[in-house]
Amino acid sequence: VRLLLLERAYEGGKTPDDILAYAEKIRQFFEENNPPGIVE
């Protein structure tokens, strides 16, 4: 998955900031879909 995302980001002209913004969306997804606690 790391290699696939890295390749797509590189070929798509994405920046490191774009990657970190995507990470924030993923974090929000987990916060909305996991109960608060150690797993989250």
Full PDB file with SEQRES, HELIX, SHEET, SSBOND, CRYST1, ORIGX, SCALE, CONECT and MASTER records, all heavy atoms in Angstrom:
SEQRES   1 A   40  VAL ARG LEU LEU LEU LEU GLU ARG ALA TYR GLU GLY GLY          
SEQRES   2 A   40  LYS THR PRO ASP ASP ILE LEU ALA TYR ALA GLU LYS ILE          
SEQRES   3 A   40  ARG GLN PHE PHE GLU GLU ASN ASN PRO PRO GLY ILE VAL          
SEQRES   4 A   40  GLU                                                          
HELIX    1 AA1 ARG A    2  GLU A   11  1                                  10    
HELIX    2 AA2 PRO A   16  ASN A   33  1                                  18    
CRYST1    1.000    1.000    1.000  90.00  90.00  90.00 P 1           1          
ORIGX1      1.000000  0.000000  0.000000        0.00000                         
ORIGX2      0.000000  1.000000  0.000000        0.00000                         
ORIGX3      0.000000  0.000000  1.000000        0.00000                         
SCALE1      1.000000  0.000000  0.000000        0.00000                         
SCALE2      0.000000  1.000000  0.000000        0.00000                         
SCALE3      0.000000  0.000000  1.000000        0.00000                         
ATOM      1  N   VAL A   1       0.843  -1.198   0.000  1.00  0.00           N  
ATOM      2  CA  VAL A   1       0.000   0.000   0.000  1.00  0.00           C  
ATOM      3  C   VAL A   1       0.877   1.246   0.000  1.00  0.00           C  
ATOM      4  O   VAL A   1       0.617   2.204  -0.734  1.00  0.00           O  
ATOM      5  CB  VAL A   1      -0.968  -0.012   1.208  1.00  0.00           C  
ATOM      6  CG1 VAL A   1      -1.646   1.342   1.383  1.00  0.00           C  
ATOM      7  CG2 VAL A   1      -2.011  -1.105   1.039  1.00  0.00           C  
ATOM      8  N   ARG A   2       1.938   1.231   0.802  1.00  0.00           N  
ATOM      9  CA  ARG A   2       2.856   2.378   0.843  1.00  0.00           C  
ATOM     10  C   ARG A   2       3.454   2.648  -0.529  1.00  0.00           C  
ATOM     11  O   ARG A   2       3.468   3.789  -1.005  1.00  0.00           O  
ATOM     12  CB  ARG A   2       3.968   2.120   1.863  1.00  0.00           C  
ATOM     13  CG  ARG A   2       4.935   3.285   2.017  1.00  0.00           C  
ATOM     14  CD  ARG A   2       6.103   2.928   2.914  1.00  0.00           C  
ATOM     15  NE  ARG A   2       6.906   1.837   2.410  1.00  0.00           N  
ATOM     16  CZ  ARG A   2       7.815   1.937   1.427  1.00  0.00           C  
ATOM     17  NH1 ARG A   2       8.025   3.085   0.830  1.00  0.00           N  
ATOM     18  NH2 ARG A   2       8.500   0.895   1.031  1.00  0.00           N  
ATOM     19  N   LEU A   3       3.925   1.598  -1.185  1.00  0.00           N  
ATOM     20  CA  LEU A   3       4.519   1.771  -2.508  1.00  0.00           C  
ATOM     21  C   LEU A   3       3.501   2.258  -3.530  1.00  0.00           C  
ATOM     22  O   LEU A   3       3.800   3.122  -4.360  1.00  0.00           O  
ATOM     23  CB  LEU A   3       5.163   0.464  -2.969  1.00  0.00           C  
ATOM     24  CG  LEU A   3       6.419   0.060  -2.228  1.00  0.00           C  
ATOM     25  CD1 LEU A   3       6.834  -1.357  -2.634  1.00  0.00           C  
ATOM     26  CD2 LEU A   3       7.546   1.037  -2.490  1.00  0.00           C  
ATOM     27  N   LEU A   4       2.296   1.720  -3.474  1.00  0.00           N  
ATOM     28  CA  LEU A   4       1.244   2.139  -4.396  1.00  0.00           C  
ATOM     29  C   LEU A   4       0.895   3.612  -4.186  1.00  0.00           C  
ATOM     30  O   LEU A   4       0.815   4.388  -5.149  1.00  0.00           O  
ATOM     31  CB  LEU A   4       0.001   1.266  -4.218  1.00  0.00           C  
ATOM     32  CG  LEU A   4      -1.200   1.648  -5.080  1.00  0.00           C  
ATOM     33  CD1 LEU A   4      -0.905   1.407  -6.558  1.00  0.00           C  
ATOM     34  CD2 LEU A   4      -2.426   0.855  -4.656  1.00  0.00           C  
ATOM     35  N   LEU A   5       0.698   4.007  -2.938  1.00  0.00           N  
ATOM     36  CA  LEU A   5       0.373   5.406  -2.657  1.00  0.00           C  
ATOM     37  C   LEU A   5       1.511   6.332  -3.045  1.00  0.00           C  
ATOM     38  O   LEU A   5       1.286   7.412  -3.594  1.00  0.00           O  
ATOM     39  CB  LEU A   5       0.023   5.583  -1.181  1.00  0.00           C  
ATOM     40  CG  LEU A   5      -1.293   4.986  -0.728  1.00  0.00           C  
ATOM     41  CD1 LEU A   5      -1.448   5.120   0.785  1.00  0.00           C  
ATOM     42  CD2 LEU A   5      -2.465   5.631  -1.441  1.00  0.00           C  
ATOM     43  N   LEU A   6       2.744   5.916  -2.766  1.00  0.00           N  
ATOM     44  CA  LEU A   6       3.898   6.736  -3.122  1.00  0.00           C  
ATOM     45  C   LEU A   6       3.998   6.917  -4.635  1.00  0.00           C  
ATOM     46  O   LEU A   6       4.202   8.033  -5.128  1.00  0.00           O  
ATOM     47  CB  LEU A   6       5.169   6.103  -2.567  1.00  0.00           C  
ATOM     48  CG  LEU A   6       6.450   6.891  -2.727  1.00  0.00           C  
ATOM     49  CD1 LEU A   6       6.352   8.237  -2.016  1.00  0.00           C  
ATOM     50  CD2 LEU A   6       7.628   6.092  -2.190  1.00  0.00           C  
ATOM     51  N   GLU A   7       3.822   5.846  -5.364  1.00  0.00           N  
ATOM     52  CA  GLU A   7       3.881   5.919  -6.822  1.00  0.00           C  
ATOM     53  C   GLU A   7       2.779   6.830  -7.376  1.00  0.00           C  
ATOM     54  O   GLU A   7       3.034   7.682  -8.220  1.00  0.00           O  
ATOM     55  CB  GLU A   7       3.749   4.516  -7.407  1.00  0.00           C  
ATOM     56  CG  GLU A   7       3.765   4.491  -8.927  1.00  0.00           C  
ATOM     57  CD  GLU A   7       3.578   3.086  -9.489  1.00  0.00           C  
ATOM     58  OE1 GLU A   7       2.937   2.243  -8.827  1.00  0.00           O  
ATOM     59  OE2 GLU A   7       4.066   2.853 -10.593  1.00  0.00           O  
ATOM     60  N   ARG A   8       1.572   6.652  -6.876  1.00  0.00           N  
ATOM     61  CA  ARG A   8       0.460   7.485  -7.365  1.00  0.00           C  
ATOM     62  C   ARG A   8       0.648   8.950  -7.004  1.00  0.00           C  
ATOM     63  O   ARG A   8       0.332   9.834  -7.790  1.00  0.00           O  
ATOM     64  CB  ARG A   8      -0.856   6.969  -6.831  1.00  0.00           C  
ATOM     65  CG  ARG A   8      -1.184   5.641  -7.450  1.00  0.00           C  
ATOM     66  CD  ARG A   8      -2.610   5.350  -7.360  1.00  0.00           C  
ATOM     67  NE  ARG A   8      -2.841   4.082  -8.061  1.00  0.00           N  
ATOM     68  CZ  ARG A   8      -4.000   3.697  -8.472  1.00  0.00           C  
ATOM     69  NH1 ARG A   8      -5.040   4.451  -8.275  1.00  0.00           N  
ATOM     70  NH2 ARG A   8      -4.140   2.555  -9.098  1.00  0.00           N  
ATOM     71  N   ALA A   9       1.144   9.212  -5.812  1.00  0.00           N  
ATOM     72  CA  ALA A   9       1.385  10.598  -5.401  1.00  0.00           C  
ATOM     73  C   ALA A   9       2.455  11.231  -6.274  1.00  0.00           C  
ATOM     74  O   ALA A   9       2.306  12.368  -6.735  1.00  0.00           O  
ATOM     75  CB  ALA A   9       1.791  10.649  -3.928  1.00  0.00           C  
ATOM     76  N   TYR A  10       3.527  10.498  -6.530  1.00  0.00           N  
ATOM     77  CA  TYR A  10       4.622  11.021  -7.342  1.00  0.00           C  
ATOM     78  C   TYR A  10       4.150  11.294  -8.770  1.00  0.00           C  
ATOM     79  O   TYR A  10       4.368  12.374  -9.311  1.00  0.00           O  
ATOM     80  CB  TYR A  10       5.800  10.040  -7.331  1.00  0.00           C  
ATOM     81  CG  TYR A  10       7.002  10.571  -8.065  1.00  0.00           C  
ATOM     82  CD1 TYR A  10       7.831  11.514  -7.478  1.00  0.00           C  
ATOM     83  CD2 TYR A  10       7.313  10.126  -9.348  1.00  0.00           C  
ATOM     84  CE1 TYR A  10       8.936  12.004  -8.145  1.00  0.00           C  
ATOM     85  CE2 TYR A  10       8.414  10.614 -10.021  1.00  0.00           C  
ATOM     86  CZ  TYR A  10       9.222  11.555  -9.419  1.00  0.00           C  
ATOM     87  OH  TYR A  10      10.307  12.053 -10.097  1.00  0.00           O  
ATOM     88  N   GLU A  11       3.489  10.306  -9.358  1.00  0.00           N  
ATOM     89  CA  GLU A  11       3.020  10.463 -10.735  1.00  0.00           C  
ATOM     90  C   GLU A  11       1.918  11.511 -10.855  1.00  0.00           C  
ATOM     91  O   GLU A  11       1.778  12.146 -11.893  1.00  0.00           O  
ATOM     92  CB  GLU A  11       2.531   9.119 -11.277  1.00  0.00           C  
ATOM     93  CG  GLU A  11       3.650   8.130 -11.519  1.00  0.00           C  
ATOM     94  CD  GLU A  11       3.158   6.756 -11.944  1.00  0.00           C  
ATOM     95  OE1 GLU A  11       1.929   6.529 -11.968  1.00  0.00           O  
ATOM     96  OE2 GLU A  11       4.016   5.904 -12.228  1.00  0.00           O  
ATOM     97  N   GLY A  12       1.152  11.690  -9.797  1.00  0.00           N  
ATOM     98  CA  GLY A  12       0.050  12.651  -9.818  1.00  0.00           C  
ATOM     99  C   GLY A  12       0.459  14.065  -9.451  1.00  0.00           C  
ATOM    100  O   GLY A  12      -0.384  14.951  -9.357  1.00  0.00           O  
ATOM    101  N   GLY A  13       1.745  14.270  -9.211  1.00  0.00           N  
ATOM    102  CA  GLY A  13       2.231  15.602  -8.885  1.00  0.00           C  
ATOM    103  C   GLY A  13       1.836  16.069  -7.489  1.00  0.00           C  
ATOM    104  O   GLY A  13       1.838  17.266  -7.205  1.00  0.00           O  
ATOM    105  N   LYS A  14       1.524  15.133  -6.605  1.00  0.00           N  
ATOM    106  CA  LYS A  14       1.139  15.501  -5.243  1.00  0.00           C  
ATOM    107  C   LYS A  14       2.366  15.924  -4.451  1.00  0.00           C  
ATOM    108  O   LYS A  14       3.486  15.510  -4.727  1.00  0.00           O  
ATOM    109  CB  LYS A  14       0.456  14.333  -4.528  1.00  0.00           C  
ATOM    110  CG  LYS A  14      -0.782  13.825  -5.222  1.00  0.00           C  
ATOM    111  CD  LYS A  14      -1.867  14.865  -5.229  1.00  0.00           C  
ATOM    112  CE  LYS A  14      -3.120  14.311  -5.880  1.00  0.00           C  
ATOM    113  NZ  LYS A  14      -4.115  15.307  -6.134  1.00  0.00           N  
ATOM    114  N   THR A  15       2.127  16.766  -3.463  1.00  0.00           N  
ATOM    115  CA  THR A  15       3.200  17.244  -2.600  1.00  0.00           C  
ATOM    116  C   THR A  15       3.113  16.544  -1.244  1.00  0.00           C  
ATOM    117  O   THR A  15       2.080  15.940  -0.920  1.00  0.00           O  
ATOM    118  CB  THR A  15       3.076  18.763  -2.368  1.00  0.00           C  
ATOM    119  OG1 THR A  15       1.888  19.008  -1.600  1.00  0.00           O  
ATOM    120  CG2 THR A  15       3.014  19.529  -3.687  1.00  0.00           C  
ATOM    121  N   PRO A  16       4.170  16.642  -0.442  1.00  0.00           N  
ATOM    122  CA  PRO A  16       4.085  16.097   0.908  1.00  0.00           C  
ATOM    123  C   PRO A  16       2.909  16.682   1.706  1.00  0.00           C  
ATOM    124  O   PRO A  16       2.267  15.984   2.481  1.00  0.00           O  
ATOM    125  CB  PRO A  16       5.431  16.466   1.530  1.00  0.00           C  
ATOM    126  CG  PRO A  16       6.363  16.478   0.349  1.00  0.00           C  
ATOM    127  CD  PRO A  16       5.534  17.076  -0.760  1.00  0.00           C  
ATOM    128  N   ASP A  17       2.616  17.963   1.481  1.00  0.00           N  
ATOM    129  CA  ASP A  17       1.470  18.572   2.167  1.00  0.00           C  
ATOM    130  C   ASP A  17       0.154  17.928   1.738  1.00  0.00           C  
ATOM    131  O   ASP A  17      -0.765  17.797   2.549  1.00  0.00           O  
ATOM    132  CB  ASP A  17       1.429  20.081   1.914  1.00  0.00           C  
ATOM    133  CG  ASP A  17       2.536  20.815   2.655  1.00  0.00           C  
ATOM    134  OD1 ASP A  17       3.041  20.286   3.669  1.00  0.00           O  
ATOM    135  OD2 ASP A  17       2.888  21.929   2.223  1.00  0.00           O  
ATOM    136  N   ASP A  18       0.055  17.539   0.471  1.00  0.00           N  
ATOM    137  CA  ASP A  18      -1.141  16.826   0.003  1.00  0.00           C  
ATOM    138  C   ASP A  18      -1.293  15.492   0.738  1.00  0.00           C  
ATOM    139  O   ASP A  18      -2.398  15.099   1.119  1.00  0.00           O  
ATOM    140  CB  ASP A  18      -1.080  16.560  -1.505  1.00  0.00           C  
ATOM    141  CG  ASP A  18      -1.123  17.819  -2.342  1.00  0.00           C  
ATOM    142  OD1 ASP A  18      -1.783  18.799  -1.929  1.00  0.00           O  
ATOM    143  OD2 ASP A  18      -0.501  17.821  -3.419  1.00  0.00           O  
ATOM    144  N   ILE A  19      -0.176  14.810   0.947  1.00  0.00           N  
ATOM    145  CA  ILE A  19      -0.179  13.528   1.654  1.00  0.00           C  
ATOM    146  C   ILE A  19      -0.645  13.728   3.087  1.00  0.00           C  
ATOM    147  O   ILE A  19      -1.473  12.969   3.600  1.00  0.00           O  
ATOM    148  CB  ILE A  19       1.229  12.882   1.640  1.00  0.00           C  
ATOM    149  CG1 ILE A  19       1.680  12.578   0.216  1.00  0.00           C  
ATOM    150  CG2 ILE A  19       1.291  11.645   2.525  1.00  0.00           C  
ATOM    151  CD1 ILE A  19       0.846  11.566  -0.513  1.00  0.00           C  
ATOM    152  N   LEU A  20      -0.132  14.750   3.742  1.00  0.00           N  
ATOM    153  CA  LEU A  20      -0.506  15.008   5.130  1.00  0.00           C  
ATOM    154  C   LEU A  20      -1.966  15.443   5.247  1.00  0.00           C  
ATOM    155  O   LEU A  20      -2.645  15.102   6.223  1.00  0.00           O  
ATOM    156  CB  LEU A  20       0.439  16.035   5.748  1.00  0.00           C  
ATOM    157  CG  LEU A  20       1.901  15.587   5.817  1.00  0.00           C  
ATOM    158  CD1 LEU A  20       2.784  16.707   6.354  1.00  0.00           C  
ATOM    159  CD2 LEU A  20       2.054  14.321   6.638  1.00  0.00           C  
ATOM    160  N   ALA A  21      -2.478  16.158   4.259  1.00  0.00           N  
ATOM    161  CA  ALA A  21      -3.900  16.523   4.253  1.00  0.00           C  
ATOM    162  C   ALA A  21      -4.767  15.274   4.101  1.00  0.00           C  
ATOM    163  O   ALA A  21      -5.824  15.152   4.739  1.00  0.00           O  
ATOM    164  CB  ALA A  21      -4.187  17.520   3.130  1.00  0.00           C  
ATOM    165  N   TYR A  22      -4.333  14.347   3.280  1.00  0.00           N  
ATOM    166  CA  TYR A  22      -5.053  13.077   3.121  1.00  0.00           C  
ATOM    167  C   TYR A  22      -5.034  12.291   4.432  1.00  0.00           C  
ATOM    168  O   TYR A  22      -6.037  11.696   4.825  1.00  0.00           O  
ATOM    169  CB  TYR A  22      -4.446  12.267   1.981  1.00  0.00           C  
ATOM    170  CG  TYR A  22      -5.181  10.996   1.675  1.00  0.00           C  
ATOM    171  CD1 TYR A  22      -6.483  11.022   1.184  1.00  0.00           C  
ATOM    172  CD2 TYR A  22      -4.585   9.759   1.880  1.00  0.00           C  
ATOM    173  CE1 TYR A  22      -7.164   9.849   0.906  1.00  0.00           C  
ATOM    174  CE2 TYR A  22      -5.255   8.579   1.601  1.00  0.00           C  
ATOM    175  CZ  TYR A  22      -6.543   8.633   1.114  1.00  0.00           C  
ATOM    176  OH  TYR A  22      -7.214   7.467   0.853  1.00  0.00           O  
ATOM    177  N   ALA A  23      -3.902  12.320   5.125  1.00  0.00           N  
ATOM    178  CA  ALA A  23      -3.800  11.639   6.418  1.00  0.00           C  
ATOM    179  C   ALA A  23      -4.823  12.203   7.402  1.00  0.00           C  
ATOM    180  O   ALA A  23      -5.427  11.453   8.175  1.00  0.00           O  
ATOM    181  CB  ALA A  23      -2.388  11.772   6.980  1.00  0.00           C  
ATOM    182  N   GLU A  24      -5.033  13.499   7.359  1.00  0.00           N  
ATOM    183  CA  GLU A  24      -6.021  14.113   8.250  1.00  0.00           C  
ATOM    184  C   GLU A  24      -7.429  13.597   7.948  1.00  0.00           C  
ATOM    185  O   GLU A  24      -8.214  13.337   8.860  1.00  0.00           O  
ATOM    186  CB  GLU A  24      -5.973  15.641   8.130  1.00  0.00           C  
ATOM    187  CG  GLU A  24      -6.867  16.347   9.108  1.00  0.00           C  
ATOM    188  CD  GLU A  24      -6.581  15.999  10.563  1.00  0.00           C  
ATOM    189  OE1 GLU A  24      -5.411  15.787  10.933  1.00  0.00           O  
ATOM    190  OE2 GLU A  24      -7.553  15.928  11.347  1.00  0.00           O  
ATOM    191  N   LYS A  25      -7.742  13.406   6.677  1.00  0.00           N  
ATOM    192  CA  LYS A  25      -9.043  12.833   6.308  1.00  0.00           C  
ATOM    193  C   LYS A  25      -9.185  11.411   6.845  1.00  0.00           C  
ATOM    194  O   LYS A  25     -10.255  11.018   7.312  1.00  0.00           O  
ATOM    195  CB  LYS A  25      -9.232  12.846   4.791  1.00  0.00           C  
ATOM    196  CG  LYS A  25      -9.392  14.221   4.215  1.00  0.00           C  
ATOM    197  CD  LYS A  25      -9.544  14.157   2.711  1.00  0.00           C  
ATOM    198  CE  LYS A  25      -9.606  15.548   2.126  1.00  0.00           C  
ATOM    199  NZ  LYS A  25      -9.726  15.534   0.672  1.00  0.00           N  
ATOM    200  N   ILE A  26      -8.113  10.644   6.773  1.00  0.00           N  
ATOM    201  CA  ILE A  26      -8.132   9.271   7.288  1.00  0.00           C  
ATOM    202  C   ILE A  26      -8.332   9.282   8.798  1.00  0.00           C  
ATOM    203  O   ILE A  26      -9.134   8.508   9.341  1.00  0.00           O  
ATOM    204  CB  ILE A  26      -6.834   8.524   6.920  1.00  0.00           C  
ATOM    205  CG1 ILE A  26      -6.648   8.442   5.404  1.00  0.00           C  
ATOM    206  CG2 ILE A  26      -6.790   7.143   7.562  1.00  0.00           C  
ATOM    207  CD1 ILE A  26      -7.696   7.649   4.680  1.00  0.00           C  
ATOM    208  N   ARG A  27      -7.621  10.171   9.496  1.00  0.00           N  
ATOM    209  CA  ARG A  27      -7.790  10.287  10.948  1.00  0.00           C  
ATOM    210  C   ARG A  27      -9.231  10.638  11.310  1.00  0.00           C  
ATOM    211  O   ARG A  27      -9.800  10.068  12.240  1.00  0.00           O  
ATOM    212  CB  ARG A  27      -6.836  11.343  11.519  1.00  0.00           C  
ATOM    213  CG  ARG A  27      -5.537  10.790  12.021  1.00  0.00           C  
ATOM    214  CD  ARG A  27      -4.756  11.804  12.821  1.00  0.00           C  
ATOM    215  NE  ARG A  27      -4.324  12.934  12.027  1.00  0.00           N  
ATOM    216  CZ  ARG A  27      -3.268  12.949  11.242  1.00  0.00           C  
ATOM    217  NH1 ARG A  27      -2.527  11.875  11.137  1.00  0.00           N  
ATOM    218  NH2 ARG A  27      -2.939  14.016  10.565  1.00  0.00           N  
ATOM    219  N   GLN A  28      -9.813  11.570  10.576  1.00  0.00           N  
ATOM    220  CA  GLN A  28     -11.207  11.953  10.827  1.00  0.00           C  
ATOM    221  C   GLN A  28     -12.143  10.768  10.624  1.00  0.00           C  
ATOM    222  O   GLN A  28     -13.072  10.571  11.403  1.00  0.00           O  
ATOM    223  CB  GLN A  28     -11.614  13.112   9.926  1.00  0.00           C  
ATOM    224  CG  GLN A  28     -10.989  14.422  10.311  1.00  0.00           C  
ATOM    225  CD  GLN A  28     -11.300  15.527   9.317  1.00  0.00           C  
ATOM    226  OE1 GLN A  28     -11.930  15.312   8.286  1.00  0.00           O  
ATOM    227  NE2 GLN A  28     -10.849  16.727   9.618  1.00  0.00           N  
ATOM    228  N   PHE A  29     -11.878   9.962   9.592  1.00  0.00           N  
ATOM    229  CA  PHE A  29     -12.696   8.779   9.352  1.00  0.00           C  
ATOM    230  C   PHE A  29     -12.645   7.841  10.559  1.00  0.00           C  
ATOM    231  O   PHE A  29     -13.680   7.359  11.025  1.00  0.00           O  
ATOM    232  CB  PHE A  29     -12.226   8.052   8.091  1.00  0.00           C  
ATOM    233  CG  PHE A  29     -12.899   6.725   7.900  1.00  0.00           C  
ATOM    234  CD1 PHE A  29     -14.160   6.656   7.319  1.00  0.00           C  
ATOM    235  CD2 PHE A  29     -12.286   5.548   8.308  1.00  0.00           C  
ATOM    236  CE1 PHE A  29     -14.795   5.435   7.153  1.00  0.00           C  
ATOM    237  CE2 PHE A  29     -12.911   4.320   8.144  1.00  0.00           C  
ATOM    238  CZ  PHE A  29     -14.172   4.263   7.561  1.00  0.00           C  
ATOM    239  N   PHE A  30     -11.440   7.582  11.065  1.00  0.00           N  
ATOM    240  CA  PHE A  30     -11.317   6.686  12.212  1.00  0.00           C  
ATOM    241  C   PHE A  30     -11.970   7.271  13.465  1.00  0.00           C  
ATOM    242  O   PHE A  30     -12.580   6.555  14.243  1.00  0.00           O  
ATOM    243  CB  PHE A  30      -9.858   6.321  12.481  1.00  0.00           C  
ATOM    244  CG  PHE A  30      -9.299   5.340  11.502  1.00  0.00           C  
ATOM    245  CD1 PHE A  30      -8.105   5.575  10.867  1.00  0.00           C  
ATOM    246  CD2 PHE A  30      -9.974   4.168  11.194  1.00  0.00           C  
ATOM    247  CE1 PHE A  30      -7.587   4.671   9.946  1.00  0.00           C  
ATOM    248  CE2 PHE A  30      -9.466   3.254  10.285  1.00  0.00           C  
ATOM    249  CZ  PHE A  30      -8.278   3.510   9.665  1.00  0.00           C  
ATOM    250  N   GLU A  31     -11.848   8.582  13.659  1.00  0.00           N  
ATOM    251  CA  GLU A  31     -12.474   9.214  14.815  1.00  0.00           C  
ATOM    252  C   GLU A  31     -13.995   9.088  14.749  1.00  0.00           C  
ATOM    253  O   GLU A  31     -14.642   8.898  15.769  1.00  0.00           O  
ATOM    254  CB  GLU A  31     -12.066  10.677  14.902  1.00  0.00           C  
ATOM    255  CG  GLU A  31     -10.632  10.868  15.360  1.00  0.00           C  
ATOM    256  CD  GLU A  31     -10.167  12.302  15.306  1.00  0.00           C  
ATOM    257  OE1 GLU A  31     -10.977  13.206  14.996  1.00  0.00           O  
ATOM    258  OE2 GLU A  31      -8.965  12.524  15.558  1.00  0.00           O  
ATOM    259  N   GLU A  32     -14.541   9.181  13.547  1.00  0.00           N  
ATOM    260  CA  GLU A  32     -15.989   9.084  13.374  1.00  0.00           C  
ATOM    261  C   GLU A  32     -16.494   7.647  13.440  1.00  0.00           C  
ATOM    262  O   GLU A  32     -17.669   7.425  13.719  1.00  0.00           O  
ATOM    263  CB  GLU A  32     -16.397   9.707  12.038  1.00  0.00           C  
ATOM    264  CG  GLU A  32     -16.171  11.204  11.977  1.00  0.00           C  
ATOM    265  CD  GLU A  32     -16.316  11.776  10.576  1.00  0.00           C  
ATOM    266  OE1 GLU A  32     -16.664  11.022   9.638  1.00  0.00           O  
ATOM    267  OE2 GLU A  32     -16.047  12.977  10.411  1.00  0.00           O  
ATOM    268  N   ASN A  33     -15.638   6.677  13.170  1.00  0.00           N  
ATOM    269  CA  ASN A  33     -16.083   5.292  13.055  1.00  0.00           C  
ATOM    270  C   ASN A  33     -15.539   4.348  14.119  1.00  0.00           C  
ATOM    271  O   ASN A  33     -15.813   3.149  14.069  1.00  0.00           O  
ATOM    272  CB  ASN A  33     -15.748   4.753  11.661  1.00  0.00           C  
ATOM    273  CG  ASN A  33     -16.554   5.460  10.601  1.00  0.00           C  
ATOM    274  OD1 ASN A  33     -17.732   5.199  10.449  1.00  0.00           O  
ATOM    275  ND2 ASN A  33     -15.939   6.395   9.906  1.00  0.00           N  
ATOM    276  N   ASN A  34     -14.773   4.871  15.063  1.00  0.00           N  
ATOM    277  CA  ASN A  34     -14.278   4.057  16.174  1.00  0.00           C  
ATOM    278  C   ASN A  34     -14.675   4.730  17.478  1.00  0.00           C  
ATOM    279  O   ASN A  34     -14.619   5.962  17.577  1.00  0.00           O  
ATOM    280  CB  ASN A  34     -12.753   3.933  16.131  1.00  0.00           C  
ATOM    281  CG  ASN A  34     -12.289   3.021  15.024  1.00  0.00           C  
ATOM    282  OD1 ASN A  34     -12.784   1.904  14.889  1.00  0.00           O  
ATOM    283  ND2 ASN A  34     -11.347   3.490  14.237  1.00  0.00           N  
ATOM    284  N   PRO A  35     -15.055   3.952  18.467  1.00  0.00           N  
ATOM    285  CA  PRO A  35     -15.355   4.564  19.763  1.00  0.00           C  
ATOM    286  C   PRO A  35     -14.093   5.163  20.367  1.00  0.00           C  
ATOM    287  O   PRO A  35     -12.995   4.657  20.137  1.00  0.00           O  
ATOM    288  CB  PRO A  35     -15.879   3.397  20.600  1.00  0.00           C  
ATOM    289  CG  PRO A  35     -15.387   2.174  19.928  1.00  0.00           C  
ATOM    290  CD  PRO A  35     -15.197   2.507  18.485  1.00  0.00           C  
ATOM    291  N   PRO A  36     -14.242   6.252  21.114  1.00  0.00           N  
ATOM    292  CA  PRO A  36     -13.068   6.852  21.750  1.00  0.00           C  
ATOM    293  C   PRO A  36     -12.388   5.841  22.673  1.00  0.00           C  
ATOM    294  O   PRO A  36     -13.042   5.008  23.293  1.00  0.00           O  
ATOM    295  CB  PRO A  36     -13.634   8.012  22.562  1.00  0.00           C  
ATOM    296  CG  PRO A  36     -14.998   8.256  22.026  1.00  0.00           C  
ATOM    297  CD  PRO A  36     -15.467   6.973  21.427  1.00  0.00           C  
ATOM    298  N   GLY A  37     -11.095   5.910  22.711  1.00  0.00           N  
ATOM    299  CA  GLY A  37     -10.354   5.009  23.591  1.00  0.00           C  
ATOM    300  C   GLY A  37      -9.034   4.611  22.977  1.00  0.00           C  
ATOM    301  O   GLY A  37      -8.525   5.246  22.054  1.00  0.00           O  
ATOM    302  N   ILE A  38      -8.500   3.521  23.491  1.00  0.00           N  
ATOM    303  CA  ILE A  38      -7.158   3.084  23.105  1.00  0.00           C  
ATOM    304  C   ILE A  38      -7.065   2.704  21.628  1.00  0.00           C  
ATOM    305  O   ILE A  38      -6.069   2.983  20.976  1.00  0.00           O  
ATOM    306  CB  ILE A  38      -6.657   1.943  24.019  1.00  0.00           C  
ATOM    307  CG1 ILE A  38      -5.163   1.706  23.832  1.00  0.00           C  
ATOM    308  CG2 ILE A  38      -7.447   0.673  23.797  1.00  0.00           C  
ATOM    309  CD1 ILE A  38      -4.305   2.780  24.371  1.00  0.00           C  
ATOM    310  N   VAL A  39      -8.125   2.086  21.086  1.00  0.00           N  
ATOM    311  CA  VAL A  39      -8.084   1.694  19.670  1.00  0.00           C  
ATOM    312  C   VAL A  39      -7.998   2.929  18.788  1.00  0.00           C  
ATOM    313  O   VAL A  39      -7.180   2.994  17.875  1.00  0.00           O  
ATOM    314  CB  VAL A  39      -9.317   0.833  19.307  1.00  0.00           C  
ATOM    315  CG1 VAL A  39      -9.384   0.611  17.808  1.00  0.00           C  
ATOM    316  CG2 VAL A  39      -9.279  -0.490  20.042  1.00  0.00           C  
ATOM    317  N   GLU A  40      -8.808   3.929  19.082  1.00  0.00           N  
ATOM    318  CA  GLU A  40      -8.772   5.167  18.299  1.00  0.00           C  
ATOM    319  C   GLU A  40      -7.403   5.840  18.417  1.00  0.00           C  
ATOM    320  O   GLU A  40      -6.831   6.292  17.426  1.00  0.00           O  
ATOM    321  CB  GLU A  40      -9.858   6.128  18.771  1.00  0.00           C  
ATOM    322  CG  GLU A  40      -9.839   7.448  18.012  1.00  0.00           C  
ATOM    323  CD  GLU A  40     -10.729   8.507  18.632  1.00  0.00           C  
ATOM    324  OE1 GLU A  40     -11.404   8.252  19.630  1.00  0.00           O  
ATOM    325  OE2 GLU A  40     -10.714   9.614  18.081  1.00  0.00           O  
TER     326      GLU A  40                                                      
MASTER        0    0    0    2    0    0    0    6  325    1    0    4          
END                                                                             
